Amino acid sequence: MKLIIVDDNASVRTTLKLILAGEYDSIVAVGDPSALPALIDTKPDIVLLDMNFGNMSMGMPAGMFWIKRIKECPDAPAVVVITAFGEVALAVDAMKAGAEDFVTKPWNNNDLKNRLKKAIEKNRKTRMTDQSLQKAAEIERRKARQEEMSLDEIKIAHVKDTVARYDGNISAAAAQLGINRQTLYNILKKQ
């Protein structure tokens, strides 16, 4: 599993890396959140994100800005916010923005480890649910399109889907459809 730590305090980054070293295969710790877009491309499982970097982004704590940017990414990782300022309102805002959890400094090591694991599990379940809903919506769209298609259009769509399912292998697709290769080619030419 991959963890990204973003905190402007070098001692906090070092301490977190030492505490969490046995829990993750890869830990990257940075002091500047502007590195996040490139780091998110490495497909981390979780980001442990400080809320305050001594600056504001669009009138909000920098951490809040970055939560929103992270959660806009496809297959966004879990986000756990960590801050020395444990205000309830800030925690609520962070959760509304998409963070899975909120930890205050100083933290309890075992509690932090458990919260990070739970955040990853929660994020994975949410992503799986979202993917299932997207697949269901696509099935419904296909069904609606098919109801308006002619028989020839349905046949061509089915043939194309079969060819795609066999990664373009015409022989395998033809065998699955119960037709010969030439008939398959003729159907595909009609599109």
C-alpha atoms as a PDB file:
ATOM      1  CA  MET A   1       0.000   0.000   0.000  1.00  0.00           C
ATOM      2  CA  LYS A   2       1.108   3.556  -0.703  1.00  0.00           C
ATOM      3  CA  LEU A   3       0.863   6.506   1.700  1.00  0.00           C
ATOM      4  CA  ILE A   4       1.529  10.158   0.959  1.00  0.00           C
ATOM      5  CA  ILE A   5       2.140  12.492   3.891  1.00  0.00           C
ATOM      6  CA  VAL A   6       1.809  16.223   3.266  1.00  0.00           C
ATOM      7  CA  ASP A   7       2.828  18.422   6.194  1.00  0.00           C
ATOM      8  CA  ASP A   8       4.919  21.595   6.246  1.00  0.00           C
ATOM      9  CA  ASN A   9       6.638  20.562   9.494  1.00  0.00           C
ATOM     10  CA  ALA A  10       9.712  18.422   8.754  1.00  0.00           C
ATOM     11  CA  SER A  11       9.719  16.871  12.263  1.00  0.00           C
ATOM     12  CA  VAL A  12       6.095  15.791  11.881  1.00  0.00           C
ATOM     13  CA  ARG A  13       6.844  14.229   8.482  1.00  0.00           C
ATOM     14  CA  THR A  14       9.838  12.336   9.867  1.00  0.00           C
ATOM     15  CA  THR A  15       7.923  11.140  12.930  1.00  0.00           C
ATOM     16  CA  LEU A  16       4.963   9.971  10.849  1.00  0.00           C
ATOM     17  CA  LYS A  17       7.250   8.095   8.461  1.00  0.00           C
ATOM     18  CA  LEU A  18       8.919   6.301  11.376  1.00  0.00           C
ATOM     19  CA  ILE A  19       5.621   5.416  13.049  1.00  0.00           C
ATOM     20  CA  LEU A  20       3.939   4.207   9.851  1.00  0.00           C
ATOM     21  CA  ALA A  21       6.940   2.533   8.166  1.00  0.00           C
ATOM     22  CA  GLY A  22       5.815  -1.018   8.983  1.00  0.00           C
ATOM     23  CA  GLU A  23       2.265  -0.379   7.786  1.00  0.00           C
ATOM     24  CA  TYR A  24       2.904   0.691   4.173  1.00  0.00           C
ATOM     25  CA  ASP A  25       5.025  -0.554   1.272  1.00  0.00           C
ATOM     26  CA  SER A  26       5.737   2.990   0.160  1.00  0.00           C
ATOM     27  CA  ILE A  27       5.635   6.276   2.073  1.00  0.00           C
ATOM     28  CA  VAL A  28       6.330   9.610   0.433  1.00  0.00           C
ATOM     29  CA  ALA A  29       6.444  12.661   2.693  1.00  0.00           C
ATOM     30  CA  VAL A  30       6.489  16.205   1.293  1.00  0.00           C
ATOM     31  CA  GLY A  31       6.217  19.657   2.811  1.00  0.00           C
ATOM     32  CA  ASP A  32       4.542  21.390  -0.108  1.00  0.00           C
ATOM     33  CA  PRO A  33       1.035  20.397  -1.202  1.00  0.00           C
ATOM     34  CA  SER A  34       1.672  21.651  -4.732  1.00  0.00           C
ATOM     35  CA  ALA A  35       3.475  18.319  -5.269  1.00  0.00           C
ATOM     36  CA  LEU A  36       0.148  16.473  -4.839  1.00  0.00           C
ATOM     37  CA  PRO A  37      -0.983  16.394  -8.492  1.00  0.00           C
ATOM     38  CA  ALA A  38       2.161  14.496  -9.525  1.00  0.00           C
ATOM     39  CA  LEU A  39       2.023  12.262  -6.443  1.00  0.00           C
ATOM     40  CA  ILE A  40      -1.648  11.373  -6.997  1.00  0.00           C
ATOM     41  CA  ASP A  41      -0.649  10.008 -10.426  1.00  0.00           C
ATOM     42  CA  THR A  42       1.319   7.285  -8.582  1.00  0.00           C
ATOM     43  CA  LYS A  43      -2.045   5.877  -7.357  1.00  0.00           C
ATOM     44  CA  PRO A  44      -1.596   6.063  -3.578  1.00  0.00           C
ATOM     45  CA  ASP A  45      -4.066   4.331  -1.281  1.00  0.00           C
ATOM     46  CA  ILE A  46      -4.199   7.248   1.134  1.00  0.00           C
ATOM     47  CA  VAL A  47      -3.076  10.831   1.687  1.00  0.00           C
ATOM     48  CA  LEU A  48      -2.437  12.112   5.217  1.00  0.00           C
ATOM     49  CA  LEU A  49      -2.877  15.841   4.713  1.00  0.00           C
ATOM     50  CA  ASP A  50      -2.131  18.747   7.034  1.00  0.00           C
ATOM     51  CA  MET A  51      -4.853  21.405   6.940  1.00  0.00           C
ATOM     52  CA  ASN A  52      -2.748  24.528   7.362  1.00  0.00           C
ATOM     53  CA  PHE A  53       0.283  25.566   5.367  1.00  0.00           C
ATOM     54  CA  GLY A  54       0.448  29.188   6.473  1.00  0.00           C
ATOM     55  CA  ASN A  55      -1.520  30.275   3.453  1.00  0.00           C
ATOM     56  CA  MET A  56      -5.068  30.331   2.227  1.00  0.00           C
ATOM     57  CA  SER A  57      -6.368  29.115  -1.133  1.00  0.00           C
ATOM     58  CA  MET A  58      -9.471  30.864  -2.364  1.00  0.00           C
ATOM     59  CA  GLY A  59     -10.397  32.002   1.183  1.00  0.00           C
ATOM     60  CA  MET A  60     -10.114  28.555   2.815  1.00  0.00           C
ATOM     61  CA  PRO A  61      -7.340  26.636   4.578  1.00  0.00           C
ATOM     62  CA  ALA A  62      -4.957  25.170   2.006  1.00  0.00           C
ATOM     63  CA  GLY A  63      -5.781  21.639   3.190  1.00  0.00           C
ATOM     64  CA  MET A  64      -9.447  22.142   2.306  1.00  0.00           C
ATOM     65  CA  PHE A  65      -8.483  23.274  -1.188  1.00  0.00           C
ATOM     66  CA  TRP A  66      -6.318  20.171  -1.636  1.00  0.00           C
ATOM     67  CA  ILE A  67      -8.967  17.742  -0.340  1.00  0.00           C
ATOM     68  CA  LYS A  68     -11.281  18.955  -3.077  1.00  0.00           C
ATOM     69  CA  ARG A  69      -8.561  18.644  -5.756  1.00  0.00           C
ATOM     70  CA  ILE A  70      -7.639  15.117  -4.620  1.00  0.00           C
ATOM     71  CA  LYS A  71     -11.258  13.948  -4.590  1.00  0.00           C
ATOM     72  CA  GLU A  72     -11.789  15.247  -8.134  1.00  0.00           C
ATOM     73  CA  CYS A  73      -9.237  12.697  -9.415  1.00  0.00           C
ATOM     74  CA  PRO A  74     -10.403   9.408 -10.910  1.00  0.00           C
ATOM     75  CA  ASP A  75     -10.018   6.598  -8.364  1.00  0.00           C
ATOM     76  CA  ALA A  76      -9.180   9.196  -5.712  1.00  0.00           C
ATOM     77  CA  PRO A  77      -7.294   7.876  -2.691  1.00  0.00           C
ATOM     78  CA  ALA A  78      -8.574   8.095   0.860  1.00  0.00           C
ATOM     79  CA  VAL A  79      -7.792  11.378   2.593  1.00  0.00           C
ATOM     80  CA  VAL A  80      -7.227  11.782   6.314  1.00  0.00           C
ATOM     81  CA  VAL A  81      -6.732  15.327   7.518  1.00  0.00           C
ATOM     82  CA  ILE A  82      -4.298  16.047  10.345  1.00  0.00           C
ATOM     83  CA  THR A  83      -4.046  19.383  12.146  1.00  0.00           C
ATOM     84  CA  ALA A  84      -3.072  20.989  15.416  1.00  0.00           C
ATOM     85  CA  PHE A  85      -6.278  23.005  15.325  1.00  0.00           C
ATOM     86  CA  GLY A  86      -8.992  20.456  16.103  1.00  0.00           C
ATOM     87  CA  GLU A  87     -12.018  22.629  15.599  1.00  0.00           C
ATOM     88  CA  VAL A  88     -15.277  20.753  15.106  1.00  0.00           C
ATOM     89  CA  ALA A  89     -16.362  23.077  12.281  1.00  0.00           C
ATOM     90  CA  LEU A  90     -13.111  22.450  10.404  1.00  0.00           C
ATOM     91  CA  ALA A  91     -13.504  18.692  10.824  1.00  0.00           C
ATOM     92  CA  VAL A  92     -17.069  18.838   9.513  1.00  0.00           C
ATOM     93  CA  ASP A  93     -15.996  20.940   6.523  1.00  0.00           C
ATOM     94  CA  ALA A  94     -13.138  18.523   5.755  1.00  0.00           C
ATOM     95  CA  MET A  95     -15.526  15.549   5.829  1.00  0.00           C
ATOM     96  CA  LYS A  96     -18.024  17.379   3.596  1.00  0.00           C
ATOM     97  CA  ALA A  97     -15.197  18.068   1.142  1.00  0.00           C
ATOM     98  CA  GLY A  98     -14.488  14.326   0.948  1.00  0.00           C
ATOM     99  CA  ALA A  99     -11.984  13.490   3.692  1.00  0.00           C
ATOM    100  CA  GLU A 100     -12.601  10.082   5.225  1.00  0.00           C
ATOM    101  CA  ASP A 101     -11.375  11.106   8.697  1.00  0.00           C
ATOM    102  CA  PHE A 102      -9.845  13.876  10.792  1.00  0.00           C
ATOM    103  CA  VAL A 103      -6.948  13.514  13.282  1.00  0.00           C
ATOM    104  CA  THR A 104      -5.657  16.138  15.699  1.00  0.00           C
ATOM    105  CA  LYS A 105      -2.057  16.731  16.697  1.00  0.00           C
ATOM    106  CA  PRO A 106      -0.702  15.364  18.945  1.00  0.00           C
ATOM    107  CA  TRP A 107      -2.026  11.958  17.922  1.00  0.00           C
ATOM    108  CA  ASN A 108      -2.108   8.508  19.452  1.00  0.00           C
ATOM    109  CA  ASN A 109       0.036   6.199  17.278  1.00  0.00           C
ATOM    110  CA  ASN A 110      -2.261   3.152  17.428  1.00  0.00           C
ATOM    111  CA  ASP A 111      -5.342   5.292  16.912  1.00  0.00           C
ATOM    112  CA  LEU A 112      -3.732   6.947  13.881  1.00  0.00           C
ATOM    113  CA  LYS A 113      -2.825   3.574  12.339  1.00  0.00           C
ATOM    114  CA  ASN A 114      -6.382   2.296  12.854  1.00  0.00           C
ATOM    115  CA  ARG A 115      -7.941   5.450  11.420  1.00  0.00           C
ATOM    116  CA  LEU A 116      -5.778   5.264   8.313  1.00  0.00           C
ATOM    117  CA  LYS A 117      -6.709   1.602   7.734  1.00  0.00           C
ATOM    118  CA  LYS A 118     -10.410   2.343   8.235  1.00  0.00           C
ATOM    119  CA  ALA A 119     -10.189   5.326   5.878  1.00  0.00           C
ATOM    120  CA  ILE A 120      -8.678   3.125   3.152  1.00  0.00           C
ATOM    121  CA  GLU A 121     -11.418   0.516   3.634  1.00  0.00           C
ATOM    122  CA  LYS A 122     -14.141   3.181   3.556  1.00  0.00           C
ATOM    123  CA  ASN A 123     -12.677   4.747   0.423  1.00  0.00           C
ATOM    124  CA  ARG A 124     -12.444   1.377  -1.363  1.00  0.00           C
ATOM    125  CA  LYS A 125     -16.056   0.527  -0.501  1.00  0.00           C
ATOM    126  CA  THR A 126     -17.211   3.923  -1.736  1.00  0.00           C
ATOM    127  CA  ARG A 127     -15.275   3.539  -4.993  1.00  0.00           C
ATOM    128  CA  MET A 128     -16.669   0.033  -5.527  1.00  0.00           C
ATOM    129  CA  THR A 129     -20.202   1.306  -4.928  1.00  0.00           C
ATOM    130  CA  ASP A 130     -19.634   4.205  -7.316  1.00  0.00           C
ATOM    131  CA  GLN A 131     -18.267   1.854  -9.984  1.00  0.00           C
ATOM    132  CA  SER A 132     -21.269  -0.462  -9.560  1.00  0.00           C
ATOM    133  CA  LEU A 133     -23.650   2.468  -9.887  1.00  0.00           C
ATOM    134  CA  GLN A 134     -21.835   3.662 -13.012  1.00  0.00           C
ATOM    135  CA  LYS A 135     -22.057   0.183 -14.543  1.00  0.00           C
ATOM    136  CA  ALA A 136     -25.753  -0.022 -13.699  1.00  0.00           C
ATOM    137  CA  ALA A 137     -26.356   3.397 -15.246  1.00  0.00           C
ATOM    138  CA  GLU A 138     -24.486   2.329 -18.396  1.00  0.00           C
ATOM    139  CA  ILE A 139     -26.613  -0.828 -18.625  1.00  0.00           C
ATOM    140  CA  GLU A 140     -29.751   1.297 -18.310  1.00  0.00           C
ATOM    141  CA  ARG A 141     -28.523   3.701 -21.030  1.00  0.00           C
ATOM    142  CA  ARG A 142     -27.742   0.749 -23.322  1.00  0.00           C
ATOM    143  CA  LYS A 143     -31.148  -0.756 -22.667  1.00  0.00           C
ATOM    144  CA  ALA A 144     -32.846   2.557 -23.460  1.00  0.00           C
ATOM    145  CA  ARG A 145     -30.823   2.879 -26.681  1.00  0.00           C
ATOM    146  CA  GLN A 146     -31.647  -0.718 -27.667  1.00  0.00           C
ATOM    147  CA  GLU A 147     -35.360  -0.089 -27.262  1.00  0.00           C
ATOM    148  CA  GLU A 148     -35.076   2.523 -30.010  1.00  0.00           C
ATOM    149  CA  MET A 149     -32.836   0.459 -32.293  1.00  0.00           C
ATOM    150  CA  SER A 150     -33.873  -1.574 -35.291  1.00  0.00           C
ATOM    151  CA  LEU A 151     -33.186  -5.315 -35.346  1.00  0.00           C
ATOM    152  CA  ASP A 152     -30.215  -4.779 -37.707  1.00  0.00           C
ATOM    153  CA  GLU A 153     -28.746  -2.125 -35.389  1.00  0.00           C
ATOM    154  CA  ILE A 154     -29.104  -4.469 -32.394  1.00  0.00           C
ATOM    155  CA  LYS A 155     -27.403  -7.266 -34.348  1.00  0.00           C
ATOM    156  CA  ILE A 156     -24.491  -5.019 -35.343  1.00  0.00           C
ATOM    157  CA  ALA A 157     -24.107  -3.741 -31.772  1.00  0.00           C
ATOM    158  CA  HIS A 158     -24.071  -7.312 -30.453  1.00  0.00           C
ATOM    159  CA  VAL A 159     -21.467  -8.355 -32.997  1.00  0.00           C
ATOM    160  CA  LYS A 160     -19.265  -5.345 -32.146  1.00  0.00           C
ATOM    161  CA  ASP A 161     -19.546  -6.097 -28.418  1.00  0.00           C
ATOM    162  CA  THR A 162     -18.570  -9.718 -29.042  1.00  0.00           C
ATOM    163  CA  VAL A 163     -15.552  -8.716 -31.149  1.00  0.00           C
ATOM    164  CA  ALA A 164     -14.501  -6.246 -28.429  1.00  0.00           C
ATOM    165  CA  ARG A 165     -14.946  -8.906 -25.721  1.00  0.00           C
ATOM    166  CA  TYR A 166     -12.488 -11.091 -27.668  1.00  0.00           C
ATOM    167  CA  ASP A 167     -10.048  -8.178 -28.117  1.00  0.00           C
ATOM    168  CA  GLY A 168     -10.576  -8.039 -31.880  1.00  0.00           C
ATOM    169  CA  ASN A 169      -9.978 -11.762 -32.431  1.00  0.00           C
ATOM    170  CA  ILE A 170     -12.339 -12.312 -35.372  1.00  0.00           C
ATOM    171  CA  SER A 171     -12.052 -16.109 -35.330  1.00  0.00           C
ATOM    172  CA  ALA A 172     -12.941 -16.358 -31.622  1.00  0.00           C
ATOM    173  CA  ALA A 173     -15.785 -13.842 -31.979  1.00  0.00           C
ATOM    174  CA  ALA A 174     -17.202 -15.663 -35.020  1.00  0.00           C
ATOM    175  CA  ALA A 175     -17.080 -18.972 -33.145  1.00  0.00           C
ATOM    176  CA  GLN A 176     -18.873 -17.425 -30.164  1.00  0.00           C
ATOM    177  CA  LEU A 177     -21.552 -15.977 -32.452  1.00  0.00           C
ATOM    178  CA  GLY A 178     -21.969 -19.271 -34.309  1.00  0.00           C
ATOM    179  CA  ILE A 179     -21.118 -17.764 -37.696  1.00  0.00           C
ATOM    180  CA  ASN A 180     -18.129 -17.966 -40.022  1.00  0.00           C
ATOM    181  CA  ARG A 181     -15.494 -15.254 -40.356  1.00  0.00           C
ATOM    182  CA  GLN A 182     -16.773 -14.022 -43.720  1.00  0.00           C
ATOM    183  CA  THR A 183     -20.296 -13.549 -42.360  1.00  0.00           C
ATOM    184  CA  LEU A 184     -18.815 -11.628 -39.428  1.00  0.00           C
ATOM    185  CA  TYR A 185     -16.836  -9.386 -41.786  1.00  0.00           C
ATOM    186  CA  ASN A 186     -19.989  -8.743 -43.860  1.00  0.00           C
ATOM    187  CA  ILE A 187     -21.955  -7.743 -40.756  1.00  0.00           C
ATOM    188  CA  LEU A 188     -19.202  -5.368 -39.638  1.00  0.00           C
ATOM    189  CA  LYS A 189     -19.092  -3.756 -43.103  1.00  0.00           C
ATOM    190  CA  LYS A 190     -22.804  -2.843 -42.829  1.00  0.00           C
ATOM    191  CA  GLN A 191     -22.173  -0.405 -40.009  1.00  0.00           C
END
